[in-house]
Amino acid sequence: MSSLLADAVAAVMPSVRADLERLVRIPSVSADPAAAPRLTESAELVAELLRGVGMDEVEILTVDGGRPAVLARRAGPAGAPTVLLY
């Protein structure tokens, strides 16, 4: 790894770790009906984090009886591959 890349990664690691700690503190087990309100809280935090890193579009999708899902888009250069994270 180049020194510039290593330095850049080292510089952001404290904030990345803090964000991850915030996320894992939310008891958001989707199979637990009692956790439903926390799932929404978790989705809202994920959406906030995605907006914070400059995603072009961020929305929380919900359907009756379903769990919230966060959808984010960022336009890439023409001809670039599509990346999907689930």
Protein backbone atom coordinates (compact mmCIF):
# COMPACT_ATOMS: atom_id res chain seq x y z
CA MET A 1 0.00 0.00 0.00
CA SER A 2 1.36 3.41 -0.86
CA SER A 3 2.27 5.78 1.94
CA LEU A 4 -0.34 8.30 0.76
CA LEU A 5 -3.08 5.68 0.79
CA ALA A 6 -2.00 4.32 4.17
CA ASP A 7 -1.96 7.84 5.61
CA ALA A 8 -5.42 8.59 4.17
CA VAL A 9 -6.86 5.37 5.63
CA ALA A 10 -5.24 6.04 9.01
CA ALA A 11 -6.69 9.55 9.04
CA VAL A 12 -10.29 8.41 8.59
CA MET A 13 -10.20 5.29 10.78
CA PRO A 14 -11.21 7.03 14.03
CA SER A 15 -14.39 8.43 12.44
CA VAL A 16 -15.14 5.16 10.64
CA ARG A 17 -14.80 3.28 13.91
CA ALA A 18 -17.02 5.80 15.72
CA ASP A 19 -19.70 5.42 13.04
CA LEU A 20 -19.51 1.63 13.27
CA GLU A 21 -19.78 1.80 17.07
CA ARG A 22 -22.91 3.95 16.76
CA LEU A 23 -24.45 1.43 14.37
CA VAL A 24 -23.72 -1.70 16.40
CA ARG A 25 -25.12 -0.10 19.56
CA ILE A 26 -28.58 -0.11 17.98
CA PRO A 27 -30.24 -3.48 18.71
CA SER A 28 -31.72 -3.88 15.24
CA VAL A 29 -32.38 -7.60 14.85
CA SER A 30 -34.82 -7.76 11.96
CA ALA A 31 -36.25 -11.13 13.03
CA ASP A 32 -37.32 -9.67 16.41
CA PRO A 33 -40.72 -7.93 16.16
CA ALA A 34 -39.91 -5.95 19.30
CA ALA A 35 -36.92 -4.41 17.50
CA ALA A 36 -39.04 -2.77 14.78
CA PRO A 37 -38.62 0.80 16.13
CA ARG A 38 -34.87 0.27 16.38
CA LEU A 39 -34.76 -0.90 12.74
CA THR A 40 -36.09 2.49 11.74
CA GLU A 41 -33.49 4.18 13.95
CA SER A 42 -30.76 2.09 12.33
CA ALA A 43 -32.00 2.91 8.82
CA GLU A 44 -32.09 6.61 9.65
CA LEU A 45 -28.49 6.50 10.90
CA VAL A 46 -27.32 4.64 7.79
CA ALA A 47 -29.08 7.23 5.61
CA GLU A 48 -27.43 10.05 7.58
CA LEU A 49 -24.00 8.48 7.16
CA LEU A 50 -24.53 8.00 3.42
CA ARG A 51 -25.58 11.62 3.01
CA GLY A 52 -22.49 12.61 4.97
CA VAL A 53 -20.19 10.91 2.48
CA GLY A 54 -21.83 12.66 -0.46
CA MET A 55 -24.25 10.15 -1.94
CA ASP A 56 -26.36 11.85 -4.62
CA GLU A 57 -29.67 10.32 -3.55
CA VAL A 58 -30.56 8.68 -0.23
CA GLU A 59 -33.98 7.43 0.76
CA ILE A 60 -35.51 5.04 3.25
CA LEU A 61 -37.97 2.69 1.59
CA THR A 62 -40.78 1.05 3.53
CA VAL A 63 -43.67 -1.19 2.61
CA ASP A 64 -46.54 -2.29 4.82
CA GLY A 65 -45.41 -5.15 7.02
CA GLY A 66 -41.82 -4.90 5.79
CA ARG A 67 -38.59 -3.65 7.23
CA PRO A 68 -37.03 -0.33 6.22
CA ALA A 69 -34.40 -0.43 3.50
CA VAL A 70 -31.94 2.33 2.68
CA LEU A 71 -31.40 3.06 -0.99
CA ALA A 72 -28.53 5.32 -2.02
CA ARG A 73 -27.26 6.26 -5.44
CA ARG A 74 -24.18 8.01 -6.68
CA ALA A 75 -23.68 8.61 -10.36
CA GLY A 76 -20.41 7.33 -11.75
CA PRO A 77 -18.66 8.13 -14.98
CA ALA A 78 -20.37 7.04 -18.19
CA GLY A 79 -19.67 3.38 -18.87
CA ALA A 80 -18.57 2.61 -15.31
CA PRO A 81 -19.83 -0.65 -13.80
CA THR A 82 -22.74 -0.73 -11.37
CA VAL A 83 -22.00 -1.75 -7.79
CA LEU A 84 -24.74 -3.12 -5.54
CA LEU A 85 -24.27 -3.66 -1.81
CA TYR A 86 -26.87 -5.62 0.11
